Protein backbone atom coordinates (compact mmCIF):
# COMPACT_ATOMS: atom_id res chain seq x y z
CA MET A 1 -1.33 -78.45 62.26
CA PRO A 2 -0.05 -78.12 58.68
CA SER A 3 3.39 -76.64 58.29
CA THR A 4 3.81 -73.01 57.34
CA LEU A 5 5.30 -74.03 54.02
CA SER A 6 2.36 -76.25 53.11
CA THR A 7 -0.05 -73.44 53.94
CA LEU A 8 1.95 -70.97 51.87
CA SER A 9 1.90 -73.37 48.93
CA TRP A 10 -1.86 -73.71 49.12
CA LEU A 11 -2.51 -69.99 49.46
CA ALA A 12 -0.20 -69.24 46.53
CA LEU A 13 -2.62 -71.21 44.38
CA VAL A 14 -5.82 -69.55 45.60
CA ALA A 15 -4.55 -66.00 46.14
CA PRO A 16 -5.22 -64.67 42.62
CA ALA A 17 -8.89 -65.58 42.92
CA LEU A 18 -9.15 -63.78 46.25
CA ALA A 19 -7.30 -60.61 45.30
CA LEU A 20 -9.16 -57.40 46.05
CA PRO A 21 -8.37 -53.89 44.84
CA ARG A 22 -7.67 -51.24 47.41
CA HIS A 23 -10.73 -49.61 48.90
CA GLY A 24 -12.01 -46.60 47.07
CA GLY A 25 -15.43 -47.38 45.75
CA PRO A 26 -16.77 -47.50 42.21
CA GLY A 27 -17.09 -43.75 41.80
CA LYS A 28 -20.77 -43.28 42.68
CA ASN A 29 -20.48 -42.50 46.38
CA GLN A 30 -23.67 -40.81 47.54
CA THR A 31 -23.29 -41.79 51.20
CA GLY A 32 -20.89 -39.08 52.31
CA ILE A 33 -18.48 -41.78 53.46
CA LYS A 34 -14.87 -41.13 52.53
CA PRO A 35 -13.07 -44.05 50.87
CA ILE A 36 -10.83 -46.03 53.21
CA THR A 37 -7.37 -46.28 51.68
CA ARG A 38 -5.19 -47.34 54.60
CA ILE A 39 -5.77 -50.50 56.63
CA GLN A 40 -5.07 -50.35 60.38
CA LEU A 41 -5.18 -53.56 62.39
CA GLY A 42 -4.53 -52.29 65.89
CA PRO A 43 -2.90 -54.31 68.71
CA ARG A 44 -5.09 -57.41 68.89
CA PRO A 45 -3.45 -59.57 66.16
CA TYR A 46 -0.03 -58.88 67.66
CA TRP A 47 -1.26 -59.75 71.15
CA LEU A 48 -2.72 -63.03 69.90
CA ILE A 49 0.53 -63.90 68.13
CA ASP A 50 2.40 -63.31 71.39
CA GLN A 51 0.19 -65.97 72.99
CA LEU A 52 1.33 -68.62 70.51
CA GLU A 53 3.88 -71.19 71.59
CA ASP A 54 7.16 -71.01 69.68
CA SER A 55 6.63 -72.61 66.27
CA PRO A 56 7.21 -72.00 62.55
CA LEU A 57 3.72 -70.45 62.44
CA LYS A 58 4.56 -67.95 65.18
CA THR A 59 7.86 -67.06 63.50
CA LYS A 60 6.12 -66.46 60.18
CA LEU A 61 3.36 -64.34 61.72
CA GLN A 62 5.90 -62.27 63.66
CA SER A 63 7.82 -61.62 60.45
CA CYS A 64 4.81 -59.73 59.06
CA SER A 65 4.51 -57.29 61.95
CA GLU A 66 5.61 -54.24 59.92
CA LYS A 67 3.98 -55.26 56.64
CA GLU A 68 1.67 -52.80 54.89
CA MET A 69 -1.79 -54.35 55.16
CA ARG A 70 -4.40 -54.61 52.44
CA PRO A 71 -8.04 -55.66 52.31
CA SER A 72 -8.87 -59.26 51.44
CA ARG A 73 -11.99 -61.20 50.57
CA TRP A 74 -10.64 -63.93 52.84
CA SER A 75 -11.67 -61.63 55.69
CA ILE A 76 -15.45 -61.18 56.02
CA GLY A 77 -16.88 -58.63 58.44
CA HIS A 78 -19.37 -60.63 60.51
CA ARG A 79 -22.29 -58.35 61.40
CA GLY A 80 -19.94 -55.59 60.23
CA GLY A 81 -16.64 -56.91 61.56
CA GLY A 82 -16.22 -54.41 64.39
CA THR A 83 -18.70 -55.91 66.83
CA LEU A 84 -16.33 -56.29 69.78
CA GLN A 85 -16.52 -52.50 70.08
CA PHE A 86 -19.49 -51.27 68.02
CA PRO A 87 -23.13 -52.40 67.92
CA GLU A 88 -23.64 -55.08 65.29
CA GLU A 89 -25.39 -54.49 61.97
CA THR A 90 -24.56 -50.78 62.03
CA GLU A 91 -22.62 -48.39 59.84
CA ALA A 92 -20.06 -48.01 62.63
CA SER A 93 -19.37 -51.75 62.78
CA ILE A 94 -19.04 -51.94 58.99
CA LEU A 95 -16.64 -49.02 58.88
CA ALA A 96 -14.56 -50.56 61.67
CA GLY A 97 -14.44 -53.92 59.90
CA THR A 98 -13.50 -52.19 56.65
CA ARG A 99 -10.76 -50.21 58.36
CA MET A 100 -9.43 -53.58 59.60
CA GLY A 101 -9.21 -55.06 56.11
CA ALA A 102 -12.49 -56.91 55.55
CA GLY A 103 -13.06 -57.37 51.83
CA ILE A 104 -16.65 -58.57 52.19
CA GLU A 105 -19.25 -57.03 54.49
CA GLU A 106 -22.33 -58.74 55.91
CA CYS A 107 -25.88 -57.59 56.53
CA ASP A 108 -28.36 -60.04 58.04
CA VAL A 109 -31.66 -59.34 56.33
CA THR A 110 -35.13 -59.41 57.83
CA PHE A 111 -38.37 -57.53 57.16
CA THR A 112 -40.67 -55.01 58.82
CA SER A 113 -44.46 -55.02 59.16
CA ASP A 114 -44.69 -53.14 55.85
CA ARG A 115 -42.40 -55.74 54.24
CA GLN A 116 -39.32 -53.51 53.92
CA LEU A 117 -35.84 -54.96 54.41
CA ILE A 118 -33.61 -54.03 57.31
CA CYS A 119 -30.29 -55.29 58.73
CA ARG A 120 -30.82 -57.29 61.93
CA HIS A 121 -29.14 -60.50 62.99
CA SER A 122 -32.49 -61.91 64.05
CA GLN A 123 -36.02 -60.89 63.22
CA CYS A 124 -36.79 -60.83 66.94
CA ASP A 125 -33.71 -59.39 68.65
CA LEU A 126 -34.66 -55.72 68.95
CA HIS A 127 -35.15 -56.05 72.72
CA THR A 128 -31.48 -57.03 73.20
CA THR A 129 -29.75 -55.17 70.34
CA THR A 130 -31.53 -51.81 70.64
CA ASN A 131 -32.97 -49.60 73.38
CA ILE A 132 -36.50 -50.08 72.03
CA LEU A 133 -37.91 -51.09 75.42
CA THR A 134 -37.06 -47.63 76.78
CA ILE A 135 -39.28 -45.94 74.17
CA PRO A 136 -42.86 -46.49 75.40
CA SER A 137 -44.59 -45.84 72.07
CA LEU A 138 -42.58 -48.64 70.44
CA ALA A 139 -42.28 -50.97 73.44
CA ALA A 140 -46.07 -51.22 73.54
CA LYS A 141 -46.05 -52.82 70.09
CA CYS A 142 -43.57 -55.61 70.90
CA THR A 143 -44.69 -59.21 70.44
CA VAL A 144 -43.98 -59.81 74.14
CA PRO A 145 -43.92 -56.65 76.29
CA PHE A 146 -41.27 -56.24 78.97
CA THR A 147 -41.99 -58.27 82.10
CA PRO A 148 -39.75 -57.50 85.07
CA TYR A 149 -37.81 -60.03 87.14
CA ASN A 150 -39.91 -61.60 89.88
CA ALA A 151 -37.80 -61.92 93.02
CA THR A 152 -40.36 -64.19 94.68
CA THR A 153 -40.64 -66.79 91.93
CA LYS A 154 -37.15 -66.13 90.51
CA GLN A 155 -38.78 -65.73 87.08
CA SER A 156 -36.41 -63.97 84.68
CA ALA A 157 -37.21 -60.65 83.06
CA THR A 158 -38.48 -61.21 79.53
CA ALA A 159 -39.36 -59.36 76.33
CA LYS A 160 -39.57 -60.07 72.61
CA CYS A 161 -39.52 -57.32 70.02
CA CYS A 162 -39.48 -58.20 66.31
CA THR A 163 -38.84 -56.09 63.24
CA SER A 164 -42.19 -57.36 61.94
CA ASP A 165 -43.89 -55.57 64.86
CA PHE A 166 -42.99 -52.20 63.33
CA THR A 167 -42.94 -50.28 60.07
CA LEU A 168 -39.62 -49.33 58.53
CA ALA A 169 -40.28 -45.69 59.37
CA GLU A 170 -40.85 -46.53 63.03
CA LEU A 171 -37.48 -48.30 63.20
CA THR A 172 -35.47 -45.72 61.27
CA GLU A 173 -37.16 -42.40 62.03
CA THR A 174 -38.18 -42.64 65.68
CA LYS A 175 -36.09 -40.17 67.66
CA GLY A 176 -33.90 -41.85 70.23
CA LEU A 177 -34.11 -45.42 68.89
CA CYS A 178 -30.52 -46.65 68.80
CA SER A 179 -28.64 -49.89 68.36
CA LYS A 180 -26.62 -51.11 71.33
CA MET A 181 -24.29 -53.95 72.22
CA ASP A 182 -26.26 -57.21 72.27
CA SER A 183 -27.13 -57.88 75.92
CA SER A 184 -29.91 -58.24 78.47
CA ASN A 185 -30.14 -58.28 82.24
CA THR A 186 -32.54 -61.09 83.13
CA GLN A 187 -32.81 -59.79 86.71
CA ALA A 188 -33.95 -56.35 85.59
CA THR A 189 -36.96 -54.74 87.19
CA THR A 190 -37.13 -51.84 84.70
CA PRO A 191 -36.61 -51.55 80.92
CA GLU A 192 -33.58 -49.39 81.63
CA GLU A 193 -31.95 -52.09 83.77
CA TYR A 194 -32.69 -54.66 81.07
CA GLN A 195 -30.24 -52.85 78.76
CA GLY A 196 -27.21 -54.01 80.76
CA ASN A 197 -25.10 -57.15 81.23
CA VAL A 198 -22.80 -56.60 78.23
CA PRO A 199 -20.21 -59.45 78.06
CA GLY A 200 -16.81 -58.49 79.44
CA TYR A 201 -14.99 -59.13 76.16
CA ARG A 202 -17.07 -56.43 74.43
CA THR A 203 -17.29 -52.76 75.32
CA THR A 204 -19.80 -49.92 75.54
CA LEU A 205 -17.04 -47.36 75.04
CA TYR A 206 -18.38 -46.39 71.60
CA SER A 207 -22.11 -46.72 72.24
CA GLY A 208 -22.62 -44.77 75.43
CA PRO A 209 -24.65 -41.65 76.25
CA GLY A 210 -24.67 -39.07 73.48
CA THR A 211 -23.99 -41.67 70.78
CA CYS A 212 -26.78 -43.15 68.67
CA HIS A 213 -26.07 -45.87 66.12
CA LYS A 214 -29.13 -45.89 63.89
CA LEU A 215 -30.62 -49.07 62.49
CA LEU A 216 -29.43 -49.75 58.95
CA THR A 217 -31.77 -50.53 56.06
CA VAL A 218 -30.69 -52.94 53.34
CA LYS A 219 -30.73 -50.10 50.82
CA GLU A 220 -28.38 -48.11 53.05
CA TYR A 221 -26.14 -51.14 53.51
CA ILE A 222 -25.88 -51.62 49.75
CA ALA A 223 -25.06 -47.95 49.19
CA LEU A 224 -22.45 -47.94 51.97
CA VAL A 225 -20.62 -51.12 50.96
CA ASP A 226 -20.76 -50.13 47.30
CA ALA A 227 -19.19 -46.77 48.14
CA LEU A 228 -16.42 -48.59 50.02
CA GLY A 229 -15.73 -50.76 46.98
CA LEU A 230 -16.28 -54.05 48.83
CA ASP A 231 -18.24 -57.23 48.17
CA PHE A 232 -21.57 -57.95 49.85
CA THR A 233 -22.75 -60.99 51.77
CA PRO A 234 -26.39 -60.51 52.77
CA GLU A 235 -27.89 -63.31 54.84
CA LEU A 236 -31.62 -63.94 54.43
CA LYS A 237 -32.68 -64.58 58.03
CA THR A 238 -35.17 -67.34 58.70
CA PRO A 239 -38.46 -65.62 59.63
CA GLU A 240 -39.72 -66.07 63.18
CA VAL A 241 -43.28 -65.23 62.12
CA LYS A 242 -45.58 -67.51 60.21
CA MET A 243 -45.11 -67.36 56.44
CA PRO A 244 -46.83 -66.25 54.26
CA PHE A 245 -46.83 -63.05 56.30
CA GLY A 246 -49.50 -60.38 56.50
CA SER A 247 -52.66 -59.64 54.58
CA ILE A 248 -51.05 -59.88 51.14
CA ASN A 249 -49.43 -63.27 51.83
CA PHE A 250 -45.76 -62.30 51.73
CA THR A 251 -44.15 -65.64 50.88
CA GLN A 252 -40.68 -66.97 51.59
CA GLU A 253 -39.88 -66.92 47.87
CA ALA A 254 -41.06 -63.32 47.59
CA PHE A 255 -38.75 -62.46 50.51
CA ALA A 256 -35.82 -64.21 48.81
CA GLN A 257 -36.53 -62.43 45.53
CA GLN A 258 -36.97 -59.02 47.14
CA LEU A 259 -33.42 -59.19 48.46
CA ILE A 260 -31.99 -59.77 44.99
CA ASP A 261 -34.25 -57.11 43.50
CA GLN A 262 -32.65 -54.50 45.77
CA PHE A 263 -29.20 -55.37 44.42
CA LYS A 264 -30.55 -55.21 40.88
CA ALA A 265 -32.11 -51.81 41.55
CA ALA A 266 -28.72 -50.56 42.76
CA LYS A 267 -27.07 -52.01 39.62
CA ILE A 268 -24.70 -54.21 41.63
CA ASP A 269 -22.74 -56.81 39.65
CA PRO A 270 -23.80 -60.31 40.83
CA LYS A 271 -20.11 -61.21 41.05
CA ARG A 272 -19.86 -58.91 44.08
CA VAL A 273 -22.76 -60.55 45.92
CA TRP A 274 -22.43 -63.64 48.14
CA LEU A 275 -25.99 -64.55 49.14
CA GLN A 276 -26.44 -66.61 52.31
CA SER A 277 -29.21 -68.59 53.96
CA PHE A 278 -29.65 -71.38 56.48
CA LEU A 279 -32.77 -72.43 54.58
CA TYR A 280 -31.87 -74.94 51.88
CA ASP A 281 -35.06 -73.97 50.01
CA ASP A 282 -33.82 -70.37 49.72
CA VAL A 283 -30.64 -71.50 47.99
CA LEU A 284 -32.61 -73.85 45.72
CA TYR A 285 -34.89 -70.94 44.81
CA TRP A 286 -31.94 -68.72 43.92
CA LEU A 287 -30.37 -71.49 41.85
CA ARG A 288 -33.61 -71.84 39.93
CA ALA A 289 -34.77 -68.23 39.63
CA GLU A 290 -31.57 -66.17 39.76
CA PRO A 291 -28.69 -68.32 38.49
CA GLU A 292 -26.26 -65.42 38.08
CA PHE A 293 -26.64 -64.37 41.71
CA ALA A 294 -26.74 -68.01 42.82
CA LYS A 295 -23.24 -68.76 41.49
CA GLN A 296 -21.85 -67.54 44.82
CA ALA A 297 -24.83 -68.45 47.01
CA ILE A 298 -23.78 -69.85 50.37
CA LEU A 299 -25.68 -72.59 52.19
CA LEU A 300 -25.16 -72.01 55.89
CA ASP A 301 -25.06 -75.30 57.77
CA GLU A 302 -25.72 -75.82 61.47
CA SER A 303 -27.19 -79.31 61.17
CA GLY A 304 -24.28 -81.03 62.92
CA ASP A 305 -24.11 -79.20 66.24
CA ALA A 306 -24.49 -82.32 68.36
CA PRO A 307 -21.85 -85.05 68.24
CA SER A 308 -24.62 -87.45 67.26
CA THR A 309 -25.58 -85.35 64.20
CA ILE A 310 -22.24 -84.38 62.66
CA SER A 311 -22.05 -87.64 60.67
CA ALA A 312 -25.45 -86.94 59.11
CA ALA A 313 -24.41 -83.36 58.35
CA THR A 314 -21.30 -84.67 56.63
CA ALA A 315 -23.36 -87.15 54.60
CA SER A 316 -25.73 -84.38 53.48
CA LEU A 317 -22.90 -82.57 51.69
CA ALA A 318 -23.27 -84.94 48.74
CA LYS A 319 -26.93 -83.94 48.35
CA TYR A 320 -26.04 -80.26 48.34
CA ALA A 321 -23.31 -80.70 45.75
CA GLN A 322 -25.61 -82.73 43.50
CA ALA A 323 -28.27 -79.99 43.70
CA GLY A 324 -25.81 -77.38 42.42
CA VAL A 325 -24.74 -75.73 45.67
CA LYS A 326 -21.19 -74.43 45.25
CA ILE A 327 -20.39 -73.08 48.73
CA VAL A 328 -21.22 -74.40 52.20
CA ALA A 329 -20.61 -72.48 55.40
CA PRO A 330 -20.52 -74.45 58.64
CA PRO A 331 -19.37 -73.00 61.98
CA LEU A 332 -15.68 -73.21 62.80
CA GLN A 333 -15.87 -76.34 64.89
CA TYR A 334 -17.30 -78.51 62.07
CA LEU A 335 -14.07 -78.12 60.09
CA VAL A 336 -11.51 -79.04 62.71
CA SER A 337 -10.68 -81.66 65.31
CA THR A 338 -7.57 -82.56 67.28
CA VAL A 339 -4.98 -85.30 67.43
CA THR A 340 -2.24 -85.94 70.00
CA ASP A 341 1.21 -86.52 68.55
CA GLN A 342 3.87 -88.86 69.89
CA ASP A 343 5.23 -86.10 72.10
CA GLY A 344 1.84 -85.64 73.75
CA LYS A 345 1.07 -82.32 72.08
CA VAL A 346 -2.50 -81.63 70.98
CA LYS A 347 -2.68 -80.47 67.37
CA VAL A 348 -5.56 -78.91 65.45
CA VAL A 349 -6.29 -80.80 62.22
CA ALA A 350 -8.91 -80.95 59.47
CA SER A 351 -12.15 -82.78 60.29
CA GLU A 352 -13.95 -85.45 58.30
CA TYR A 353 -16.60 -82.85 57.38
CA ALA A 354 -13.91 -80.64 55.85
CA LYS A 355 -12.33 -83.53 53.97
CA GLN A 356 -15.68 -84.61 52.54
CA ALA A 357 -16.55 -81.09 51.39
CA LYS A 358 -13.21 -80.87 49.62
CA LYS A 359 -13.66 -84.31 48.04
CA LEU A 360 -17.04 -83.22 46.64
CA GLY A 361 -15.61 -80.01 45.20
CA LEU A 362 -17.59 -77.79 47.57
CA LYS A 363 -15.99 -74.52 48.56
CA VAL A 364 -16.04 -73.68 52.26
CA ILE A 365 -16.60 -70.45 54.17
CA THR A 366 -16.79 -70.55 57.96
CA TRP A 367 -18.07 -68.53 60.94
CA SER A 368 -17.48 -66.84 63.33
CA LEU A 369 -14.02 -66.05 64.66
CA GLU A 370 -13.70 -63.71 67.66
CA ARG A 371 -17.26 -64.37 68.84
CA SER A 372 -16.55 -66.71 71.73
CA GLY A 373 -14.95 -64.46 74.29
CA TRP A 374 -12.02 -65.90 76.21
CA LEU A 375 -10.49 -69.20 75.11
CA ALA A 376 -8.53 -69.76 78.31
CA ASP A 377 -11.40 -69.55 80.81
CA SER A 378 -13.75 -72.33 81.90
CA THR A 379 -15.71 -72.17 78.62
CA LYS A 380 -12.60 -73.11 76.58
CA GLY A 381 -14.00 -70.98 73.79
CA GLY A 382 -17.52 -72.40 73.97
CA TYR A 383 -19.58 -73.30 70.89
CA TYR A 384 -17.12 -72.35 68.15
CA TYR A 385 -14.23 -74.27 69.72
CA SER A 386 -16.15 -77.28 71.01
CA THR A 387 -14.28 -79.80 68.84
CA ILE A 388 -10.85 -78.46 69.82
CA ALA A 389 -11.53 -77.60 73.47
CA ASN A 390 -8.54 -79.64 74.59
CA ALA A 391 -6.29 -77.37 72.50
CA THR A 392 -7.78 -74.14 73.85
CA ALA A 393 -7.60 -75.50 77.40
CA ALA A 394 -3.90 -76.23 76.91
CA ARG A 395 -2.82 -73.09 75.06
CA GLY A 396 -5.50 -70.40 75.33
CA GLU A 397 -5.85 -67.38 73.05
CA GLY A 398 -3.06 -68.18 70.57
CA VAL A 399 -5.08 -71.15 69.30
CA VAL A 400 -7.00 -68.61 67.17
CA TYR A 401 -4.08 -68.50 64.75
CA GLU A 402 -3.51 -72.25 64.88
CA LEU A 403 -7.16 -72.61 63.87
CA LEU A 404 -6.83 -70.10 61.02
CA ASP A 405 -3.73 -71.90 59.78
CA VAL A 406 -5.64 -75.18 59.46
CA LEU A 407 -8.64 -73.48 57.85
CA ALA A 408 -6.35 -71.94 55.21
CA SER A 409 -4.41 -75.15 54.57
CA LYS A 410 -4.93 -77.41 51.57
CA GLU A 411 -6.65 -79.95 53.81
CA VAL A 412 -9.58 -77.55 54.41
CA GLY A 413 -9.08 -74.76 51.86
CA ALA A 414 -11.55 -72.29 53.34
CA ILE A 415 -12.06 -69.45 50.86
CA ALA A 416 -13.14 -66.95 53.56
CA VAL A 417 -13.65 -66.57 57.30
CA PHE A 418 -16.30 -64.50 59.08
CA SER A 419 -15.01 -62.61 62.10
CA ASP A 420 -16.42 -60.23 64.70
CA TRP A 421 -13.03 -58.47 64.72
CA SER A 422 -11.75 -58.37 61.16
CA ALA A 423 -8.17 -57.44 62.02
CA THR A 424 -7.34 -60.96 63.22
CA VAL A 425 -8.26 -62.63 59.93
CA SER A 426 -6.89 -59.75 57.83
CA TYR A 427 -3.48 -60.07 59.48
CA TYR A 428 -3.28 -63.76 58.60
CA ALA A 429 -4.41 -63.09 55.03
CA ASN A 430 -1.77 -60.44 54.54
CA CYS A 431 1.01 -62.43 56.15
CA PHE A 432 0.37 -65.50 54.00
CA GLY A 433 0.11 -63.63 50.73
CA LEU A 434 -3.53 -63.82 49.72
CA PHE A 435 -2.88 -60.78 47.49
CA PRO A 436 -1.00 -60.15 44.24
């Protein structure tokens, strides 16, 4: 792990570029949302710091415990940034992430049957992220209707409901249609039972009976984040339906352009927009057709998930840089690995992927902190910690801040980190001076 001093030196160089004014909006708030002027991080960052072994990093983080916190673009609200407690892709999650210091807010973008844009992490996740199966008039239109668990054959309960199965009005105006914590009970025998099985590290405390978190359109997302005075990072989701879509042949390029057109219609400065896509062709299209918006376009990369493919993913970085891509965004585990020092301690260090990206001049953003659940249980953090599982197995939850320290160091130089709980990243950003 890089020393605290080396990290501070690196962040002192990049901080001016990442500085963000206090929240307050650009003066055209038509959402009814009051500007957020005081950041509140809650107990989680402090609890995580307590889990760290004694080290210069722990001492430095503890020294910031009473610091006044500010928003930072280094902290990106993943699916809103409050998704440990609020349903993802909702106004509530965005407001929670903003309250916890996120300087950039995300909306994953997909389309409806009438080709309108809406915030959903996946085009076909409505059956697990909303209560749509409990509304018969809508459930009947799902791509795959609800099928109950079969106790005889042990066949799991199934369903598949896509935004493209419905009009925008059906998804935003149907009484009783609400977002919920992402979950499903595969042994359910009724649509109501299927709503359960929320992971233990999330909560239904703020999405229970009497509370309805409405689905958010892209236009509403733009208006909300603009009113909060933040930057935007919309992700164009890869369609799960055949493209071109529908009777008028809605093409992938038309989808990519429609997203930018909504920002243009809202008169948003391209400098505040960080477009994202996993589809390389989307980024190439933006580079060609919308160069001002493409200056901050992010190519999301999940091509190296298997140990046998990470070398090829690393090699592909040269192709992306040559094509004009400026920012790549792999998951956390691509950027780090571990070494064992002479005292037998496992340390988190920069990976070859990270070193190659830096060598090529590519900027790096990474995802998604606070999405894995417990680091100290049998999963050792799962997917996002797979390359440093021996560190999480040895030291548990505090490894979150060891990981952030390496991501922020000069060896990796990540310019931002997506998180499901923005406070954790915001605390680090504040403590290490990412602000003027």
